[in-house]
PDB file of N, CA and C in Angstrom:
ATOM      1  N   MET A   1      25.400  17.524  -6.882  1.00  0.00           N
ATOM      2  CA  MET A   1      26.859  17.620  -8.061  1.00  0.00           C
ATOM      3  C   MET A   1      26.871  18.808  -9.234  1.00  0.00           C
ATOM      4  N   ASN A   2      28.260  19.535  -9.581  1.00  0.00           N
ATOM      5  CA  ASN A   2      27.586  20.404 -10.122  1.00  0.00           C
ATOM      6  C   ASN A   2      27.496  20.589 -11.448  1.00  0.00           C
ATOM      7  N   PHE A   3      27.585  21.548 -12.423  1.00  0.00           N
ATOM      8  CA  PHE A   3      27.661  21.191 -14.121  1.00  0.00           C
ATOM      9  C   PHE A   3      29.020  20.214 -14.703  1.00  0.00           C
ATOM     10  N   GLN A   4      30.377  20.949 -13.670  1.00  0.00           N
ATOM     11  CA  GLN A   4      31.254  20.246 -14.370  1.00  0.00           C
ATOM     12  C   GLN A   4      31.186  18.578 -14.098  1.00  0.00           C
ATOM     13  N   GLU A   5      31.035  18.853 -12.393  1.00  0.00           N
ATOM     14  CA  GLU A   5      31.180  17.152 -12.243  1.00  0.00           C
ATOM     15  C   GLU A   5      30.788  15.869 -12.998  1.00  0.00           C
ATOM     16  N   HIS A   6      28.723  16.457 -13.477  1.00  0.00           N
ATOM     17  CA  HIS A   6      27.984  16.499 -14.111  1.00  0.00           C
ATOM     18  C   HIS A   6      28.441  15.490 -15.585  1.00  0.00           C
ATOM     19  N   TYR A   7      29.565  16.721 -15.722  1.00  0.00           N
ATOM     20  CA  TYR A   7      29.636  17.036 -17.418  1.00  0.00           C
ATOM     21  C   TYR A   7      30.666  15.585 -17.681  1.00  0.00           C
ATOM     22  N   LYS A   8      31.435  15.582 -16.068  1.00  0.00           N
ATOM     23  CA  LYS A   8      32.904  14.623 -16.683  1.00  0.00           C
ATOM     24  C   LYS A   8      32.508  13.420 -16.174  1.00  0.00           C
ATOM     25  N   GLY A   9      31.217  13.368 -16.187  1.00  0.00           N
ATOM     26  CA  GLY A   9      30.378  11.644 -15.357  1.00  0.00           C
ATOM     27  C   GLY A   9      30.312  11.306 -16.815  1.00  0.00           C
ATOM     28  N   ILE A  10      29.850   9.870 -16.326  1.00  0.00           N
ATOM     29  CA  ILE A  10      30.000   8.756 -16.664  1.00  0.00           C
ATOM     30  C   ILE A  10      28.417   8.924 -18.338  1.00  0.00           C
ATOM     31  N   PHE A  11      28.712   8.466 -18.739  1.00  0.00           N
ATOM     32  CA  PHE A  11      28.006   8.247 -19.948  1.00  0.00           C
ATOM     33  C   PHE A  11      27.792   7.304 -20.781  1.00  0.00           C
ATOM     34  N   ILE A  12      26.462   7.455 -21.596  1.00  0.00           N
ATOM     35  CA  ILE A  12      26.182   5.843 -22.479  1.00  0.00           C
ATOM     36  C   ILE A  12      25.390   6.320 -23.966  1.00  0.00           C
ATOM     37  N   ASN A  13      26.760   5.758 -24.591  1.00  0.00           N
ATOM     38  CA  ASN A  13      26.765   6.231 -25.837  1.00  0.00           C
ATOM     39  C   ASN A  13      25.163   5.443 -26.471  1.00  0.00           C
ATOM     40  N   MET A  14      24.902   6.170 -27.874  1.00  0.00           N
ATOM     41  CA  MET A  14      23.619   5.424 -28.444  1.00  0.00           C
ATOM     42  C   MET A  14      24.311   5.146 -29.595  1.00  0.00           C
ATOM     43  N   LEU A  15      24.537   4.553 -29.597  1.00  0.00           N
ATOM     44  CA  LEU A  15      25.168   3.636 -30.491  1.00  0.00           C
ATOM     45  C   LEU A  15      24.908   3.227 -32.260  1.00  0.00           C
ATOM     46  N   ARG A  16      23.383   2.543 -31.754  1.00  0.00           N
ATOM     47  CA  ARG A  16      22.337   2.866 -32.599  1.00  0.00           C
ATOM     48  C   ARG A  16      21.268   3.523 -32.829  1.00  0.00           C
ATOM     49  N   TRP A  17      20.575   3.664 -34.308  1.00  0.00           N
ATOM     50  CA  TRP A  17      19.419   4.816 -34.441  1.00  0.00           C
ATOM     51  C   TRP A  17      18.537   4.480 -33.444  1.00  0.00           C
ATOM     52  N   PRO A  18      17.861   3.073 -33.181  1.00  0.00           N
ATOM     53  CA  PRO A  18      16.378   2.846 -31.875  1.00  0.00           C
ATOM     54  C   PRO A  18      16.703   2.998 -30.742  1.00  0.00           C
ATOM     55  N   GLN A  19      18.067   3.209 -30.110  1.00  0.00           N
ATOM     56  CA  GLN A  19      18.552   3.999 -29.031  1.00  0.00           C
ATOM     57  C   GLN A  19      18.253   5.030 -28.909  1.00  0.00           C
ATOM     58  N   LEU A  20      18.916   5.579 -30.205  1.00  0.00           N
ATOM     59  CA  LEU A  20      18.557   7.239 -29.744  1.00  0.00           C
ATOM     60  C   LEU A  20      17.263   7.705 -30.225  1.00  0.00           C
ATOM     61  N   GLU A  21      16.072   7.094 -30.541  1.00  0.00           N
ATOM     62  CA  GLU A  21      15.012   6.653 -30.751  1.00  0.00           C
ATOM     63  C   GLU A  21      14.333   6.667 -29.213  1.00  0.00           C
ATOM     64  N   LYS A  22      14.695   5.875 -28.472  1.00  0.00           N
ATOM     65  CA  LYS A  22      14.359   5.067 -26.798  1.00  0.00           C
ATOM     66  C   LYS A  22      14.758   6.544 -26.605  1.00  0.00           C
ATOM     67  N   LEU A  23      15.937   7.456 -26.505  1.00  0.00           N
ATOM     68  CA  LEU A  23      16.595   8.590 -25.720  1.00  0.00           C
ATOM     69  C   LEU A  23      15.261   9.550 -25.747  1.00  0.00           C
ATOM     70  N   TRP A  24      15.010   9.923 -27.320  1.00  0.00           N
ATOM     71  CA  TRP A  24      14.376  10.722 -27.838  1.00  0.00           C
ATOM     72  C   TRP A  24      12.972  10.756 -27.064  1.00  0.00           C
ATOM     73  N   ASP A  25      12.017   9.738 -26.857  1.00  0.00           N
ATOM     74  CA  ASP A  25      10.560   9.468 -26.477  1.00  0.00           C
ATOM     75  C   ASP A  25      10.820   9.212 -25.152  1.00  0.00           C
ATOM     76  N   LYS A  26      12.467   9.005 -24.220  1.00  0.00           N
ATOM     77  CA  LYS A  26      12.337   9.642 -22.950  1.00  0.00           C
ATOM     78  C   LYS A  26      12.021  10.647 -22.697  1.00  0.00           C
ATOM     79  N   VAL A  27      13.181  11.385 -23.518  1.00  0.00           N
ATOM     80  CA  VAL A  27      12.704  12.926 -23.126  1.00  0.00           C
ATOM     81  C   VAL A  27      11.381  13.535 -22.982  1.00  0.00           C
ATOM     82  N   LYS A  28      11.272  13.084 -24.440  1.00  0.00           N
ATOM     83  CA  LYS A  28       9.598  14.172 -24.909  1.00  0.00           C
ATOM     84  C   LYS A  28       8.436  13.723 -23.477  1.00  0.00           C
ATOM     85  N   ALA A  29       8.982  12.602 -23.026  1.00  0.00           N
ATOM     86  CA  ALA A  29       8.135  12.284 -21.869  1.00  0.00           C
ATOM     87  C   ALA A  29       8.104  13.129 -20.833  1.00  0.00           C
ATOM     88  N   GLN A  30       8.205  13.926 -21.150  1.00  0.00           N
ATOM     89  CA  GLN A  30       9.469  14.170 -19.061  1.00  0.00           C
ATOM     90  C   GLN A  30      10.050  15.610 -19.678  1.00  0.00           C
ATOM     91  N   PRO A  31       9.580  16.569 -20.269  1.00  0.00           N
ATOM     92  CA  PRO A  31       9.954  17.803 -21.475  1.00  0.00           C
ATOM     93  C   PRO A  31      10.236  18.628 -20.133  1.00  0.00           C
ATOM     94  N   ASN A  32       9.473  19.117 -18.669  1.00  0.00           N
ATOM     95  CA  ASN A  32      10.297  20.482 -17.966  1.00  0.00           C
ATOM     96  C   ASN A  32      11.865  20.790 -17.594  1.00  0.00           C
ATOM     97  N   ASP A  33      11.850  21.359 -17.552  1.00  0.00           N
ATOM     98  CA  ASP A  33      12.985  21.553 -16.362  1.00  0.00           C
ATOM     99  C   ASP A  33      15.113  21.424 -18.109  1.00  0.00           C
ATOM    100  N   TRP A  34      14.564  21.280 -18.961  1.00  0.00           N
ATOM    101  CA  TRP A  34      15.787  21.164 -20.210  1.00  0.00           C
ATOM    102  C   TRP A  34      16.068  22.539 -20.583  1.00  0.00           C
ATOM    103  N   TYR A  35      17.487  21.893 -20.906  1.00  0.00           N
ATOM    104  CA  TYR A  35      18.159  23.531 -21.260  1.00  0.00           C
ATOM    105  C   TYR A  35      19.027  23.148 -22.602  1.00  0.00           C
ATOM    106  N   ILE A  36      18.685  24.039 -23.339  1.00  0.00           N
ATOM    107  CA  ILE A  36      20.099  23.251 -24.627  1.00  0.00           C
ATOM    108  C   ILE A  36      20.980  24.655 -24.764  1.00  0.00           C
ATOM    109  N   TYR A  37      22.426  23.732 -24.442  1.00  0.00           N
ATOM    110  CA  TYR A  37      23.636  24.269 -24.528  1.00  0.00           C
ATOM    111  C   TYR A  37      24.259  24.448 -25.384  1.00  0.00           C
ATOM    112  N   PHE A  38      24.736  25.488 -26.252  1.00  0.00           N
ATOM    113  CA  PHE A  38      25.715  24.655 -27.716  1.00  0.00           C
ATOM    114  C   PHE A  38      27.233  25.240 -26.893  1.00  0.00           C
ATOM    115  N   VAL A  39      28.310  24.683 -26.946  1.00  0.00           N
ATOM    116  CA  VAL A  39      29.301  24.780 -26.753  1.00  0.00           C
ATOM    117  C   VAL A  39      29.671  26.619 -26.616  1.00  0.00           C
ATOM    118  N   GLY A  40      30.247  27.168 -26.784  1.00  0.00           N
ATOM    119  CA  GLY A  40      30.853  28.014 -26.755  1.00  0.00           C
ATOM    120  C   GLY A  40      30.096  29.156 -26.865  1.00  0.00           C
ATOM    121  N   GLU A  41      28.740  29.082 -26.664  1.00  0.00           N
ATOM    122  CA  GLU A  41      27.927  30.207 -26.813  1.00  0.00           C
ATOM    123  C   GLU A  41      27.154  30.060 -25.087  1.00  0.00           C
ATOM    124  N   THR A  42      26.649  31.706 -24.912  1.00  0.00           N
ATOM    125  CA  THR A  42      25.841  31.703 -23.707  1.00  0.00           C
ATOM    126  C   THR A  42      25.659  30.184 -22.865  1.00  0.00           C
ATOM    127  N   VAL A  43      25.450  30.771 -21.678  1.00  0.00           N
ATOM    128  CA  VAL A  43      25.131  29.833 -21.106  1.00  0.00           C
ATOM    129  C   VAL A  43      23.789  30.029 -20.861  1.00  0.00           C
ATOM    130  N   PRO A  44      22.762  29.137 -20.911  1.00  0.00           N
ATOM    131  CA  PRO A  44      21.124  29.712 -21.341  1.00  0.00           C
ATOM    132  C   PRO A  44      20.698  30.114 -19.366  1.00  0.00           C
ATOM    133  N   THR A  45      19.357  31.060 -19.425  1.00  0.00           N
ATOM    134  CA  THR A  45      19.244  31.479 -17.621  1.00  0.00           C
ATOM    135  C   THR A  45      17.965  30.364 -17.912  1.00  0.00           C
ATOM    136  N   ALA A  46      17.493  30.507 -18.599  1.00  0.00           N
ATOM    137  CA  ALA A  46      15.793  29.248 -18.343  1.00  0.00           C
ATOM    138  C   ALA A  46      16.121  27.800 -19.270  1.00  0.00           C
ATOM    139  N   PRO A  47      15.044  27.482 -18.903  1.00  0.00           N
ATOM    140  CA  PRO A  47      14.902  26.604 -19.532  1.00  0.00           C
ATOM    141  C   PRO A  47      14.219  25.898 -20.596  1.00  0.00           C
ATOM    142  N   VAL A  48      14.362  25.406 -21.894  1.00  0.00           N
ATOM    143  CA  VAL A  48      12.500  25.833 -22.609  1.00  0.00           C
ATOM    144  C   VAL A  48      11.837  25.071 -22.580  1.00  0.00           C
ATOM    145  N   ASP A  49      10.485  25.848 -23.416  1.00  0.00           N
ATOM    146  CA  ASP A  49       9.131  25.130 -22.873  1.00  0.00           C
ATOM    147  C   ASP A  49       9.267  23.689 -24.083  1.00  0.00           C
ATOM    148  N   ALA A  50       8.281  22.363 -23.695  1.00  0.00           N
ATOM    149  CA  ALA A  50       8.053  21.958 -24.152  1.00  0.00           C
ATOM    150  C   ALA A  50       8.071  21.808 -26.095  1.00  0.00           C
ATOM    151  N   THR A  51       7.519  22.670 -25.930  1.00  0.00           N
ATOM    152  CA  THR A  51       6.921  22.547 -28.021  1.00  0.00           C
ATOM    153  C   THR A  51       8.751  23.670 -27.806  1.00  0.00           C
ATOM    154  N   GLU A  52       9.390  23.968 -27.299  1.00  0.00           N
ATOM    155  CA  GLU A  52      10.848  24.757 -28.505  1.00  0.00           C
ATOM    156  C   GLU A  52      11.853  22.567 -28.490  1.00  0.00           C
ATOM    157  N   LEU A  53      11.844  22.381 -26.883  1.00  0.00           N
ATOM    158  CA  LEU A  53      12.065  20.665 -27.358  1.00  0.00           C
ATOM    159  C   LEU A  53      12.051  20.125 -28.224  1.00  0.00           C
ATOM    160  N   HIS A  54      10.647  19.452 -28.396  1.00  0.00           N
ATOM    161  CA  HIS A  54      10.430  18.634 -29.283  1.00  0.00           C
ATOM    162  C   HIS A  54      10.630  18.999 -30.863  1.00  0.00           C
ATOM    163  N   GLN A  55      10.740  20.655 -30.318  1.00  0.00           N
ATOM    164  CA  GLN A  55      11.381  20.882 -32.529  1.00  0.00           C
ATOM    165  C   GLN A  55      12.982  20.994 -32.284  1.00  0.00           C
ATOM    166  N   PHE A  56      13.633  20.663 -31.041  1.00  0.00           N
ATOM    167  CA  PHE A  56      15.168  21.022 -31.241  1.00  0.00           C
ATOM    168  C   PHE A  56      14.835  19.778 -30.895  1.00  0.00           C
ATOM    169  N   ILE A  57      14.352  18.455 -31.051  1.00  0.00           N
ATOM    170  CA  ILE A  57      14.566  17.283 -31.404  1.00  0.00           C
ATOM    171  C   ILE A  57      14.085  16.938 -32.141  1.00  0.00           C
ATOM    172  N   GLU A  58      13.702  17.040 -32.997  1.00  0.00           N
ATOM    173  CA  GLU A  58      13.083  16.560 -34.037  1.00  0.00           C
ATOM    174  C   GLU A  58      14.117  17.429 -35.044  1.00  0.00           C
ATOM    175  N   GLU A  59      14.789  18.477 -35.390  1.00  0.00           N
ATOM    176  CA  GLU A  59      15.290  18.989 -35.878  1.00  0.00           C
ATOM    177  C   GLU A  59      16.668  18.829 -35.998  1.00  0.00           C
ATOM    178  N   ILE A  60      17.051  18.323 -34.299  1.00  0.00           N
ATOM    179  CA  ILE A  60      18.616  17.985 -34.722  1.00  0.00           C
ATOM    180  C   ILE A  60      18.728  15.843 -34.880  1.00  0.00           C
ATOM    181  N   ASP A  61      17.405  15.442 -34.389  1.00  0.00           N
ATOM    182  CA  ASP A  61      17.534  14.039 -35.033  1.00  0.00           C
ATOM    183  C   ASP A  61      17.538  13.990 -36.746  1.00  0.00           C
ATOM    184  N   GLN A  62      16.691  15.310 -37.338  1.00  0.00           N
ATOM    185  CA  GLN A  62      16.968  14.917 -38.788  1.00  0.00           C
ATOM    186  C   GLN A  62      18.473  15.459 -39.415  1.00  0.00           C
ATOM    187  N   LEU A  63      18.943  16.720 -38.494  1.00  0.00           N
ATOM    188  CA  LEU A  63      20.000  16.685 -39.453  1.00  0.00           C
ATOM    189  C   LEU A  63      21.062  15.978 -38.818  1.00  0.00           C
ATOM    190  N   LEU A  64      21.202  15.108 -37.400  1.00  0.00           N
ATOM    191  CA  LEU A  64      22.431  14.151 -37.521  1.00  0.00           C
ATOM    192  C   LEU A  64      21.706  13.138 -37.821  1.00  0.00           C
ATOM    193  N   ARG A  65      20.807  12.363 -38.543  1.00  0.00           N
ATOM    194  CA  ARG A  65      20.702  10.972 -39.534  1.00  0.00           C
ATOM    195  C   ARG A  65      21.349  11.726 -41.087  1.00  0.00           C
ATOM    196  N   LYS A  66      21.046  13.228 -41.636  1.00  0.00           N
ATOM    197  CA  LYS A  66      21.224  13.465 -42.899  1.00  0.00           C
ATOM    198  C   LYS A  66      22.722  13.436 -43.146  1.00  0.00           C
ATOM    199  N   GLU A  67      22.946  14.262 -41.810  1.00  0.00           N
ATOM    200  CA  GLU A  67      24.784  14.528 -41.738  1.00  0.00           C
ATOM    201  C   GLU A  67      25.266  14.067 -41.354  1.00  0.00           C
ATOM    202  N   HIS A  68      24.903  12.433 -40.897  1.00  0.00           N
ATOM    203  CA  HIS A  68      25.785  11.322 -40.610  1.00  0.00           C
ATOM    204  C   HIS A  68      25.515  10.300 -41.205  1.00  0.00           C
ATOM    205  N   ASP A  69      25.841  10.275 -42.399  1.00  0.00           N
ATOM    206  CA  ASP A  69      24.763   8.286 -43.302  1.00  0.00           C
ATOM    207  C   ASP A  69      25.566   7.729 -42.569  1.00  0.00           C
ATOM    208  N   TYR A  70      25.155   6.611 -41.268  1.00  0.00           N
ATOM    209  CA  TYR A  70      26.147   5.957 -41.828  1.00  0.00           C
ATOM    210  C   TYR A  70      24.556   4.952 -40.713  1.00  0.00           C
ATOM    211  N   ASP A  71      24.347   3.083 -40.697  1.00  0.00           N
ATOM    212  CA  ASP A  71      23.649   2.997 -40.189  1.00  0.00           C
ATOM    213  C   ASP A  71      23.996   2.548 -38.720  1.00  0.00           C
ATOM    214  N   TYR A  72      24.577   3.279 -37.918  1.00  0.00           N
ATOM    215  CA  TYR A  72      24.425   3.984 -36.839  1.00  0.00           C
ATOM    216  C   TYR A  72      24.868   4.742 -36.223  1.00  0.00           C
ATOM    217  N   CYS A  73      24.246   5.357 -35.317  1.00  0.00           N
ATOM    218  CA  CYS A  73      24.707   6.678 -34.610  1.00  0.00           C
ATOM    219  C   CYS A  73      26.064   6.955 -33.637  1.00  0.00           C
ATOM    220  N   GLY A  74      25.700   6.768 -32.850  1.00  0.00           N
ATOM    221  CA  GLY A  74      28.477   6.848 -31.702  1.00  0.00           C
ATOM    222  C   GLY A  74      28.030   8.102 -32.140  1.00  0.00           C
ATOM    223  N   ILE A  75      26.797   9.158 -32.045  1.00  0.00           N
ATOM    224  CA  ILE A  75      27.793  11.000 -31.741  1.00  0.00           C
ATOM    225  C   ILE A  75      27.135  11.448 -30.546  1.00  0.00           C
ATOM    226  N   VAL A  76      26.021  10.557 -29.566  1.00  0.00           N
ATOM    227  CA  VAL A  76      25.333  11.247 -29.037  1.00  0.00           C
ATOM    228  C   VAL A  76      24.931  10.845 -28.311  1.00  0.00           C
ATOM    229  N   TYR A  77      25.970  11.347 -26.420  1.00  0.00           N
ATOM    230  CA  TYR A  77      25.893  10.142 -25.137  1.00  0.00           C
ATOM    231  C   TYR A  77      24.643  10.857 -24.435  1.00  0.00           C
ATOM    232  N   ALA A  78      24.633   9.845 -23.479  1.00  0.00           N
ATOM    233  CA  ALA A  78      23.049  10.357 -22.336  1.00  0.00           C
ATOM    234  C   ALA A  78      23.639  10.153 -21.030  1.00  0.00           C
ATOM    235  N   ASP A  79      23.526  10.679 -19.727  1.00  0.00           N
ATOM    236  CA  ASP A  79      23.696  10.134 -18.500  1.00  0.00           C
ATOM    237  C   ASP A  79      22.647   8.985 -18.833  1.00  0.00           C
ATOM    238  N   GLU A  80      22.453   7.803 -17.342  1.00  0.00           N
ATOM    239  CA  GLU A  80      21.487   7.228 -16.775  1.00  0.00           C
ATOM    240  C   GLU A  80      20.043   7.549 -16.966  1.00  0.00           C
ATOM    241  N   THR A  81      20.206   8.343 -16.136  1.00  0.00           N
ATOM    242  CA  THR A  81      18.930   9.640 -15.999  1.00  0.00           C
ATOM    243  C   THR A  81      17.345   9.473 -16.809  1.00  0.00           C
ATOM    244  N   PRO A  82      17.907  10.098 -18.056  1.00  0.00           N
ATOM    245  CA  PRO A  82      18.873  10.943 -18.344  1.00  0.00           C
ATOM    246  C   PRO A  82      18.700  11.723 -17.591  1.00  0.00           C
ATOM    247  N   ALA A  83      19.619  12.682 -17.402  1.00  0.00           N
ATOM    248  CA  ALA A  83      19.627  14.296 -17.525  1.00  0.00           C
ATOM    249  C   ALA A  83      20.448  15.080 -17.634  1.00  0.00           C
ATOM    250  N   MET A  84      21.001  14.794 -18.743  1.00  0.00           N
ATOM    251  CA  MET A  84      22.049  15.339 -19.560  1.00  0.00           C
ATOM    252  C   MET A  84      22.098  14.742 -20.191  1.00  0.00           C
ATOM    253  N   ILE A  85      22.455  14.830 -21.986  1.00  0.00           N
ATOM    254  CA  ILE A  85      22.699  14.935 -23.364  1.00  0.00           C
ATOM    255  C   ILE A  85      23.669  15.580 -23.681  1.00  0.00           C
ATOM    256  N   LYS A  86      24.943  14.833 -24.968  1.00  0.00           N
ATOM    257  CA  LYS A  86      25.930  15.580 -25.095  1.00  0.00           C
ATOM    258  C   LYS A  86      25.140  15.152 -26.854  1.00  0.00           C
ATOM    259  N   ILE A  87      25.904  15.954 -27.764  1.00  0.00           N
ATOM    260  CA  ILE A  87      25.363  15.497 -29.149  1.00  0.00           C
ATOM    261  C   ILE A  87      26.678  16.199 -29.738  1.00  0.00           C
ATOM    262  N   PHE A  88      27.638  15.456 -30.325  1.00  0.00           N
ATOM    263  CA  PHE A  88      28.557  15.848 -31.352  1.00  0.00           C
ATOM    264  C   PHE A  88      28.661  16.777 -32.431  1.00  0.00           C
ATOM    265  N   ASP A  89      28.753  17.220 -32.428  1.00  0.00           N
ATOM    266  CA  ASP A  89      27.865  17.654 -34.738  1.00  0.00           C
ATOM    267  C   ASP A  89      29.238  16.568 -35.926  1.00  0.00           C
ATOM    268  N   PRO A  90      28.435  16.092 -36.849  1.00  0.00           N
ATOM    269  CA  PRO A  90      28.628  15.019 -37.645  1.00  0.00           C
ATOM    270  C   PRO A  90      29.718  15.396 -38.438  1.00  0.00           C
ATOM    271  N   ASN A  91      29.702  17.231 -38.667  1.00  0.00           N
ATOM    272  CA  ASN A  91      30.958  17.670 -39.623  1.00  0.00           C
ATOM    273  C   ASN A  91      31.791  17.942 -38.871  1.00  0.00           C
ATOM    274  N   ASN A  92      32.088  17.615 -37.615  1.00  0.00           N
ATOM    275  CA  ASN A  92      33.574  17.703 -36.805  1.00  0.00           C
ATOM    276  C   ASN A  92      34.013  16.807 -36.272  1.00  0.00           C
ATOM    277  N   LEU A  93      33.360  15.680 -36.497  1.00  0.00           N
ATOM    278  CA  LEU A  93      34.195  14.975 -35.771  1.00  0.00           C
ATOM    279  C   LEU A  93      35.890  14.430 -35.476  1.00  0.00           C
ATOM    280  N   GLY A  94      36.102  14.825 -36.288  1.00  0.00           N
ATOM    281  CA  GLY A  94      38.538  15.564 -35.559  1.00  0.00           C
ATOM    282  C   GLY A  94      38.489  15.549 -35.101  1.00  0.00           C
ATOM    283  N   ALA A  95      37.388  17.036 -34.906  1.00  0.00           N
ATOM    284  CA  ALA A  95      38.021  18.340 -34.121  1.00  0.00           C
ATOM    285  C   ALA A  95      37.645  17.983 -32.737  1.00  0.00           C
ATOM    286  N   VAL A  96      36.122  17.513 -32.618  1.00  0.00           N
ATOM    287  CA  VAL A  96      35.799  16.570 -30.808  1.00  0.00           C
ATOM    288  C   VAL A  96      36.244  15.352 -30.847  1.00  0.00           C
ATOM    289  N   CYS A  97      36.787  14.830 -31.491  1.00  0.00           N
ATOM    290  CA  CYS A  97      37.462  13.638 -30.836  1.00  0.00           C
ATOM    291  C   CYS A  97      38.671  14.138 -30.566  1.00  0.00           C
ATOM    292  N   GLY A  98      39.258  14.985 -31.172  1.00  0.00           N
ATOM    293  CA  GLY A  98      40.793  15.122 -30.813  1.00  0.00           C
ATOM    294  C   GLY A  98      41.086  16.795 -29.892  1.00  0.00           C
ATOM    295  N   TRP A  99      41.633  16.861 -29.977  1.00  0.00           N
ATOM    296  CA  TRP A  99      41.826  17.948 -28.616  1.00  0.00           C
ATOM    297  C   TRP A  99      41.099  19.277 -28.567  1.00  0.00           C
ATOM    298  N   GLY A 100      41.207  20.063 -30.015  1.00  0.00           N
ATOM    299  CA  GLY A 100      40.378  21.086 -29.882  1.00  0.00           C
ATOM    300  C   GLY A 100      38.937  21.854 -30.426  1.00  0.00           C
ATOM    301  N   GLY A 101      38.044  20.249 -29.982  1.00  0.00           N
ATOM    302  CA  GLY A 101      36.724  20.713 -30.007  1.00  0.00           C
ATOM    303  C   GLY A 101      35.877  21.374 -29.531  1.00  0.00           C
ATOM    304  N   GLU A 102      35.227  21.581 -29.901  1.00  0.00           N
ATOM    305  CA  GLU A 102      34.297  22.956 -29.175  1.00  0.00           C
ATOM    306  C   GLU A 102      32.786  22.213 -29.756  1.00  0.00           C
ATOM    307  N   LYS A 103      32.507  21.850 -30.767  1.00  0.00           N
ATOM    308  CA  LYS A 103      30.881  21.574 -31.166  1.00  0.00           C
ATOM    309  C   LYS A 103      30.056  20.348 -31.158  1.00  0.00           C
ATOM    310  N   GLU A 104      30.235  21.134 -30.011  1.00  0.00           N
ATOM    311  CA  GLU A 104      28.972  19.933 -29.250  1.00  0.00           C
ATOM    312  C   GLU A 104      27.535  20.711 -28.349  1.00  0.00           C
ATOM    313  N   THR A 105      26.402  20.091 -28.542  1.00  0.00           N
ATOM    314  CA  THR A 105      25.617  20.478 -28.407  1.00  0.00           C
ATOM    315  C   THR A 105      24.494  19.582 -26.538  1.00  0.00           C
ATOM    316  N   ASN A 106      24.602  19.870 -25.677  1.00  0.00           N
ATOM    317  CA  ASN A 106      24.285  19.461 -24.515  1.00  0.00           C
ATOM    318  C   ASN A 106      22.554  19.930 -24.462  1.00  0.00           C
ATOM    319  N   LEU A 107      22.198  18.844 -24.135  1.00  0.00           N
ATOM    320  CA  LEU A 107      20.448  19.362 -23.504  1.00  0.00           C
ATOM    321  C   LEU A 107      21.063  18.221 -21.919  1.00  0.00           C
ATOM    322  N   VAL A 108      20.468  19.440 -21.167  1.00  0.00           N
ATOM    323  CA  VAL A 108      20.534  19.471 -19.563  1.00  0.00           C
ATOM    324  C   VAL A 108      19.586  20.157 -19.295  1.00  0.00           C
ATOM    325  N   LYS A 109      19.200  18.962 -18.182  1.00  0.00           N
ATOM    326  CA  LYS A 109      18.497  18.779 -16.990  1.00  0.00           C
ATOM    327  C   LYS A 109      18.592  19.407 -15.740  1.00  0.00           C
ATOM    328  N   PHE A 110      18.106  20.556 -14.744  1.00  0.00           N
ATOM    329  CA  PHE A 110      18.429  20.424 -13.835  1.00  0.00           C
ATOM    330  C   PHE A 110      16.631  20.574 -12.879  1.00  0.00           C
TER     331      PHE A 110
END
């Protein structure tokens, strides 16, 4: 399956914060071969190392909890494996949910 097919596939919403915590634990347990891609920026050519991945997870988790100050998460989606995670910008949800949004971060494992 190529990136576009995978990207348009089925994703599960991390509706509650504990679901997101479990997702982060799964990713941290298998930190190899993850790419961090910010929509609209240059596609990465190399995966991040485990240290960079863990740092990214800690920083994005703090940002999401600060900027999306609700008792639910609902802005992170993952495929079943997980091998692809979509993280939507809490400050641009109107744009992302509509037709013009490009404020999204993706974690992708190949």
